[in-house]
Structures are given as structure tokens and as C-alpha cells.
Amino acid sequence: MKSVTKFLIAVSAGLFICTISPVVSNAQAEKDEVALYQTMYGMEKRALIEEAMSLNEANKSAFWTVYEEFEKERRTIGEERINLIKNYAENFKAADDAKLDEIAKGALANESKFTKLESTYYEKMKKATNAATSFRWLQVERYLNTSIRMAIQDELPFLPERKN
């Protein structure tokens, strides 16, 4: 089970990178394209969550009800993250200090939103199921998020050195 789960997570991260790469490289990507990618990722992610959670019948219905609420909010924050990545990709070579500051503050605010969302839904999930189910969901969610972030970071160029 553990190796299957890790394999599925790796495949999901790869699929996400394949779908986001055109968004990052194409400055004119339309909002509905972003929504399509988010929808595709969400469907892949649900299968991964289902595999990793191994829910019993007593918790299954309550878990998926809370999870769907979480995923809806996560997609909105994820879309903001994609837009921040696009903003960086379009501007990193020529951005002045003000633009870089704007991008950095946006990234930090986005990260705070994700953390707050996870915290809120950890409590909702715990109330709807139990602490063990909620904890496992949080572990899987963070594992997926970290894997995807690392893969995206590998694709993003570093800010070039500048002469001050």
C-alpha cells in the first residue's frame, strides 16, 4: 500500500507539472484554462486521497463531504498560486524591487491562506470523523502539497544576480 500510494503521489505531481508548465510559460493563459487545470488536478488528487486514506464505511461519507468543501476552497487559493507563479515567470528578469516585493508578499500571503485552510479543515474533519482520520488526511495533503511545490520550484528559474 505504501509504495502504491507514493507511486500515485509521484504520478500526480508529474501530471500537475505537465499541466502547469504551459500555464507558466504562456503569459496569455486564460482564466478558464486555469480552471480546467485545477479541475484535472482535483480529480487526480481525489483518487490519490481515496487510495491513501483507506476509509472505513463509518467515516467515508462524512470525510468526503468535508473534503469536497476543502477542495473547493483549495482550488481558489491554488489558482492564486498559479497566478503568482505566472507573474514571477513573466517578470523575474526585468522586475524592479517594488515588483519583486509584490510577488514575494503575494507568495507569503498565499502560503498563509493554505496553512489557515488546512488548520480550519483539520478541525472540521476531526469533528466529522475523528482525530486519526483528520491527522492522516493532513499528512497526505501536506505530502502532496510539498511534492508539488518541490516539482514546481525545480521548474522555476532563480532570480538572476543583479548589480546594485
Protein backbone atom coordinates (compact mmCIF):
# COMPACT_ATOMS: atom_id res chain seq x y z
CA MET A 1 0.00 0.00 0.00
CA LYS A 2 2.72 2.47 0.98
CA SER A 3 4.66 2.01 -2.28
CA VAL A 4 1.46 2.24 -4.36
CA THR A 5 0.49 5.44 -2.56
CA LYS A 6 3.93 7.00 -3.08
CA PHE A 7 3.87 5.97 -6.74
CA LEU A 8 0.43 7.52 -7.24
CA ILE A 9 1.55 10.69 -5.48
CA ALA A 10 4.61 10.91 -7.73
CA VAL A 11 2.46 10.40 -10.82
CA SER A 12 0.05 13.08 -9.63
CA ALA A 13 2.88 15.56 -9.07
CA GLY A 14 4.19 14.79 -12.56
CA LEU A 15 0.77 15.26 -14.13
CA PHE A 16 0.35 18.55 -12.29
CA ILE A 17 3.70 19.80 -13.58
CA CYS A 18 2.78 18.77 -17.11
CA THR A 19 -0.44 20.75 -16.85
CA ILE A 20 1.09 23.80 -15.20
CA SER A 21 4.15 24.11 -17.46
CA PRO A 22 2.15 25.60 -20.36
CA VAL A 23 0.46 27.99 -17.92
CA VAL A 24 3.79 29.21 -16.54
CA SER A 25 5.38 29.61 -19.96
CA ASN A 26 2.34 31.18 -21.65
CA ALA A 27 1.73 34.65 -20.27
CA GLN A 28 -1.66 34.88 -22.03
CA ALA A 29 -3.25 31.80 -20.43
CA GLU A 30 -6.96 32.40 -19.92
CA LYS A 31 -8.74 32.02 -16.62
CA ASP A 32 -10.82 29.09 -17.88
CA GLU A 33 -7.61 27.23 -18.76
CA VAL A 34 -6.50 27.65 -15.16
CA ALA A 35 -9.89 26.35 -14.03
CA LEU A 36 -9.51 23.34 -16.33
CA TYR A 37 -6.08 22.52 -14.90
CA GLN A 38 -7.41 22.90 -11.38
CA THR A 39 -10.30 20.59 -12.18
CA MET A 40 -7.99 18.00 -13.75
CA TYR A 41 -5.68 18.11 -10.74
CA GLY A 42 -8.56 17.92 -8.32
CA MET A 43 -9.87 14.76 -9.95
CA GLU A 44 -6.43 13.16 -9.88
CA LYS A 45 -5.93 14.26 -6.32
CA ARG A 46 -9.22 12.75 -5.17
CA ALA A 47 -8.13 9.33 -6.42
CA LEU A 48 -4.86 9.70 -4.55
CA ILE A 49 -6.61 10.77 -1.36
CA GLU A 50 -9.00 7.84 -1.63
CA GLU A 51 -6.12 5.39 -2.04
CA ALA A 52 -4.06 6.89 0.79
CA MET A 53 -6.89 7.23 3.30
CA SER A 54 -8.32 3.68 3.27
CA LEU A 55 -11.51 4.95 4.87
CA ASN A 56 -13.89 2.66 6.71
CA GLU A 57 -17.59 2.82 5.95
CA ALA A 58 -18.33 4.71 9.18
CA ASN A 59 -16.15 7.69 8.17
CA LYS A 60 -16.36 7.61 4.39
CA SER A 61 -19.44 9.78 3.81
CA ALA A 62 -18.52 12.40 6.41
CA PHE A 63 -14.92 12.52 5.19
CA TRP A 64 -15.85 13.15 1.55
CA THR A 65 -18.40 15.81 2.47
CA VAL A 66 -15.77 17.82 4.37
CA TYR A 67 -13.07 17.05 1.82
CA GLU A 68 -15.17 18.43 -1.07
CA GLU A 69 -15.70 21.67 0.86
CA PHE A 70 -11.94 21.88 1.49
CA GLU A 71 -11.08 21.14 -2.13
CA LYS A 72 -13.38 23.89 -3.40
CA GLU A 73 -11.59 26.46 -1.23
CA ARG A 74 -8.17 24.97 -2.01
CA ARG A 75 -8.75 25.39 -5.74
CA THR A 76 -9.35 29.11 -5.28
CA ILE A 77 -6.12 29.52 -3.32
CA GLY A 78 -4.35 27.26 -5.82
CA GLU A 79 -5.49 29.48 -8.68
CA GLU A 80 -4.00 32.46 -6.84
CA ARG A 81 -0.74 30.50 -6.50
CA ILE A 82 -0.71 29.74 -10.23
CA ASN A 83 -1.23 33.42 -10.99
CA LEU A 84 1.67 34.31 -8.67
CA ILE A 85 3.88 31.80 -10.47
CA LYS A 86 2.84 33.25 -13.83
CA ASN A 87 3.55 36.75 -12.54
CA TYR A 88 7.03 35.70 -11.45
CA ALA A 89 7.73 33.83 -14.70
CA GLU A 90 6.67 36.83 -16.78
CA ASN A 91 8.60 39.41 -14.76
CA PHE A 92 11.58 37.86 -12.98
CA LYS A 93 14.26 39.01 -15.43
CA ALA A 94 13.32 42.68 -15.50
CA ALA A 95 11.32 43.19 -12.31
CA ASP A 96 12.29 46.11 -10.11
CA ASP A 97 12.40 45.93 -6.31
CA ALA A 98 8.76 47.01 -5.99
CA LYS A 99 7.55 44.24 -8.32
CA LEU A 100 9.69 41.61 -6.59
CA ASP A 101 8.38 42.77 -3.22
CA GLU A 102 4.81 42.49 -4.52
CA ILE A 103 5.42 38.94 -5.76
CA ALA A 104 7.14 37.87 -2.52
CA LYS A 105 4.39 39.31 -0.32
CA GLY A 106 1.77 37.66 -2.51
CA ALA A 107 3.53 34.29 -2.17
CA LEU A 108 3.78 34.64 1.60
CA ALA A 109 0.11 35.64 1.89
CA ASN A 110 -0.87 32.70 -0.31
CA GLU A 111 1.10 30.31 1.90
CA SER A 112 -0.66 31.72 4.96
CA LYS A 113 -4.04 31.12 3.31
CA PHE A 114 -3.12 27.49 2.62
CA THR A 115 -1.98 26.97 6.20
CA LYS A 116 -5.12 28.59 7.62
CA LEU A 117 -7.29 26.50 5.30
CA GLU A 118 -5.58 23.28 6.40
CA SER A 119 -5.98 24.24 10.05
CA THR A 120 -9.67 25.06 9.62
CA TYR A 121 -10.38 21.84 7.77
CA TYR A 122 -8.32 19.71 10.14
CA GLU A 123 -10.79 20.75 12.85
CA LYS A 124 -13.83 20.25 10.61
CA MET A 125 -12.55 16.83 9.52
CA LYS A 126 -11.83 15.83 13.13
CA LYS A 127 -15.34 16.84 14.19
CA ALA A 128 -16.94 14.97 11.27
CA THR A 129 -14.80 11.82 11.63
CA ASN A 130 -12.12 11.51 14.32
CA ALA A 131 -8.62 12.80 15.12
CA ALA A 132 -6.84 9.84 13.48
CA THR A 133 -8.66 10.27 10.15
CA SER A 134 -8.15 14.02 10.22
CA PHE A 135 -4.46 13.62 11.06
CA ARG A 136 -3.92 11.13 8.23
CA TRP A 137 -5.71 13.43 5.78
CA LEU A 138 -3.47 16.32 6.87
CA GLN A 139 -0.36 14.16 6.41
CA VAL A 140 -1.41 13.15 2.90
CA GLU A 141 -2.48 16.69 1.98
CA ARG A 142 0.85 18.13 3.12
CA TYR A 143 2.81 15.38 1.40
CA LEU A 144 1.06 16.10 -1.89
CA ASN A 145 1.43 19.85 -1.49
CA THR A 146 5.14 19.59 -0.64
CA SER A 147 5.81 17.24 -3.56
CA ILE A 148 4.07 19.54 -6.00
CA ARG A 149 5.80 22.64 -4.64
CA MET A 150 9.19 20.99 -4.98
CA ALA A 151 8.43 19.96 -8.56
CA ILE A 152 7.26 23.47 -9.43
CA GLN A 153 10.31 25.01 -7.75
CA ASP A 154 12.54 22.79 -9.88
CA GLU A 155 10.90 24.28 -12.99
CA LEU A 156 11.14 27.93 -11.95
CA PRO A 157 14.30 29.86 -12.72
CA PHE A 158 16.09 31.66 -9.92
CA LEU A 159 16.16 35.42 -9.94
CA PRO A 160 19.29 36.47 -11.84
CA GLU A 161 22.04 38.22 -9.92
CA ARG A 162 21.82 41.96 -10.09
CA LYS A 163 24.39 44.67 -9.75
CA ASN A 164 23.36 47.11 -7.07
